[in-house]
Amino acid sequence: MKNSFPIFLLIAFLGCSSTPPSDGGIMFDQGISVSKKEAREKWMNHIGKNNPQLYVAIIKGIMLSQKFDAEVFVSKIKAEDKVYYQLDRDNQGGSNVLSVTWKTREIIFDHYNDSDGPTMLDFVEEIYLDKKTQKLYDSLNIGEFN
């Protein structure tokens, strides 16, 4: 029993020392974290530029979810060679791309795929690599070179 006390202190210390980032971000190695807000905004900006129909559907879905306090589904409809996104309060099954819920501030991906755009995780990784590169540059004082 006496030998277990130091182990308990070690576990308590290690457990308390690894706290998550205060901004609700995703913690990576070397103390680098990526803000979920930053990743979401970068993803939305990309969708706005590269898939404006989906972007408009997501924005409208968020506004309707807020107004009606309900989950709103964004579905993809393919007609001939064109793709359309429509909003619905009911789950449309296999045609759902994602859903938004204002109350919980969630975007839930369902049948979202490469044709809709990159995932948010792609932007988390991009932001992480940018921060890691900047940390390396700072440690090497790259900005002070001629």
Protein backbone atom coordinates (compact mmCIF):
# COMPACT_ATOMS: atom_id res chain seq x y z
CA MET A 1 0.00 0.00 0.00
CA LYS A 2 2.88 2.39 0.80
CA ASN A 3 4.39 1.84 -2.67
CA SER A 4 1.16 2.81 -4.44
CA PHE A 5 1.14 6.38 -3.04
CA PRO A 6 4.02 7.68 -5.24
CA ILE A 7 2.36 6.09 -8.28
CA PHE A 8 -0.90 7.85 -7.39
CA LEU A 9 0.91 11.20 -7.14
CA LEU A 10 2.62 10.63 -10.49
CA ILE A 11 -0.68 9.80 -12.19
CA ALA A 12 -2.38 12.82 -10.61
CA PHE A 13 0.46 15.12 -11.70
CA LEU A 14 0.54 13.82 -15.28
CA GLY A 15 -3.24 13.96 -15.53
CA CYS A 16 -3.33 17.58 -14.38
CA SER A 17 -0.43 18.70 -16.52
CA SER A 18 -1.98 17.69 -19.84
CA THR A 19 -4.85 20.13 -20.05
CA PRO A 20 -6.60 20.78 -23.37
CA PRO A 21 -6.23 24.13 -25.11
CA SER A 22 -8.40 26.84 -23.57
CA ASP A 23 -9.87 27.83 -26.95
CA GLY A 24 -11.52 24.44 -27.44
CA GLY A 25 -8.92 23.62 -30.06
CA ILE A 26 -7.39 20.37 -31.08
CA MET A 27 -4.02 19.76 -29.37
CA PHE A 28 -1.17 18.31 -31.39
CA ASP A 29 2.42 17.58 -30.43
CA GLN A 30 4.98 20.18 -29.42
CA GLY A 31 2.33 22.40 -27.82
CA ILE A 32 0.73 23.31 -31.14
CA SER A 33 -3.04 23.57 -31.13
CA VAL A 34 -5.52 24.36 -33.87
CA SER A 35 -8.62 26.33 -33.02
CA LYS A 36 -11.85 24.63 -34.11
CA LYS A 37 -13.17 28.10 -34.95
CA GLU A 38 -10.22 28.78 -37.24
CA ALA A 39 -10.68 25.43 -39.02
CA ARG A 40 -14.45 25.95 -39.45
CA GLU A 41 -13.97 29.46 -40.84
CA LYS A 42 -11.27 28.32 -43.25
CA TRP A 43 -13.48 25.44 -44.39
CA MET A 44 -16.51 27.73 -44.88
CA ASN A 45 -14.42 30.24 -46.85
CA HIS A 46 -13.16 27.44 -49.09
CA ILE A 47 -16.69 26.08 -49.64
CA GLY A 48 -17.88 29.63 -50.42
CA LYS A 49 -15.29 30.01 -53.17
CA ASN A 50 -15.39 26.49 -54.59
CA ASN A 51 -18.96 25.26 -54.05
CA PRO A 52 -21.16 28.35 -53.68
CA GLN A 53 -24.41 26.35 -53.90
CA LEU A 54 -23.45 24.26 -50.88
CA TYR A 55 -22.20 27.37 -49.06
CA VAL A 56 -25.54 29.15 -49.54
CA ALA A 57 -27.42 26.02 -48.43
CA ILE A 58 -25.31 25.76 -45.25
CA ILE A 59 -25.80 29.45 -44.39
CA LYS A 60 -29.56 29.22 -45.02
CA GLY A 61 -29.67 25.98 -43.01
CA ILE A 62 -27.97 27.64 -40.05
CA MET A 63 -30.39 30.58 -40.20
CA LEU A 64 -33.44 28.29 -40.40
CA SER A 65 -32.14 26.10 -37.60
CA GLN A 66 -31.75 29.19 -35.43
CA LYS A 67 -35.20 30.50 -36.36
CA PHE A 68 -37.10 27.23 -35.83
CA ASP A 69 -34.83 25.73 -33.14
CA ALA A 70 -34.59 22.50 -35.13
CA GLU A 71 -32.07 20.41 -37.03
CA VAL A 72 -31.98 21.29 -40.73
CA PHE A 73 -30.77 18.82 -43.34
CA VAL A 74 -28.89 19.75 -46.50
CA SER A 75 -29.54 17.22 -49.26
CA LYS A 76 -27.91 16.83 -52.66
CA ILE A 77 -30.14 16.39 -55.67
CA LYS A 78 -28.65 15.35 -59.00
CA ALA A 79 -30.66 16.29 -62.08
CA GLU A 80 -29.13 15.51 -65.46
CA ASP A 81 -25.57 16.86 -65.22
CA LYS A 82 -26.26 19.40 -62.47
CA VAL A 83 -26.14 19.20 -58.70
CA TYR A 84 -28.51 21.11 -56.44
CA TYR A 85 -28.63 21.38 -52.68
CA GLN A 86 -31.95 21.66 -50.89
CA LEU A 87 -32.97 22.18 -47.29
CA ASP A 88 -35.37 20.02 -45.35
CA ARG A 89 -36.52 19.59 -41.78
CA ASP A 90 -36.78 15.84 -42.31
CA ASN A 91 -33.93 13.42 -42.77
CA GLN A 92 -33.76 12.47 -46.45
CA GLY A 93 -31.56 9.44 -45.87
CA GLY A 94 -28.96 8.74 -48.54
CA SER A 95 -29.20 12.17 -50.17
CA ASN A 96 -28.21 14.03 -46.99
CA VAL A 97 -24.88 15.77 -47.26
CA LEU A 98 -24.92 17.23 -43.76
CA SER A 99 -27.18 18.69 -41.13
CA VAL A 100 -26.89 21.77 -38.95
CA THR A 101 -28.24 22.38 -35.48
CA TRP A 102 -28.06 25.93 -34.17
CA LYS A 103 -28.81 25.06 -30.54
CA THR A 104 -25.77 22.78 -30.17
CA ARG A 105 -23.68 24.61 -32.81
CA GLU A 106 -23.12 21.39 -34.72
CA ILE A 107 -22.52 20.56 -38.34
CA ILE A 108 -22.97 16.83 -38.70
CA PHE A 109 -21.57 15.28 -41.86
CA ASP A 110 -23.57 12.46 -43.38
CA HIS A 111 -22.98 11.65 -47.05
CA TYR A 112 -20.54 14.52 -47.57
CA ASN A 113 -17.84 13.48 -50.05
CA ASP A 114 -15.04 14.76 -52.28
CA SER A 115 -17.49 16.14 -54.86
CA ASP A 116 -18.83 18.50 -52.15
CA GLY A 117 -15.38 19.68 -51.08
CA PRO A 118 -12.58 18.90 -48.64
CA THR A 119 -13.38 17.99 -45.05
CA MET A 120 -12.75 20.24 -42.07
CA LEU A 121 -10.02 17.82 -41.00
CA ASP A 122 -8.10 18.74 -44.16
CA PHE A 123 -8.03 22.35 -42.93
CA VAL A 124 -7.08 21.34 -39.39
CA GLU A 125 -4.05 19.55 -40.84
CA GLU A 126 -3.19 22.51 -43.09
CA ILE A 127 -3.36 24.97 -40.19
CA TYR A 128 -1.29 22.62 -38.00
CA LEU A 129 1.43 22.32 -40.66
CA ASP A 130 1.47 26.12 -41.09
CA LYS A 131 1.90 26.59 -37.34
CA LYS A 132 4.55 23.89 -37.10
CA THR A 133 6.47 25.46 -40.00
CA GLN A 134 6.24 28.90 -38.39
CA LYS A 135 7.53 27.45 -35.11
CA LEU A 136 10.53 26.00 -36.96
CA TYR A 137 11.19 29.31 -38.73
CA ASP A 138 11.00 31.16 -35.41
CA SER A 139 13.43 28.73 -33.75
CA LEU A 140 15.91 29.21 -36.61
CA ASN A 141 15.40 33.00 -36.74
CA ILE A 142 14.65 32.74 -40.46
CA GLY A 143 13.17 36.26 -40.44
CA GLU A 144 16.59 37.72 -39.52
CA PHE A 145 18.39 36.37 -42.60
CA ASN A 146 19.38 38.79 -45.39
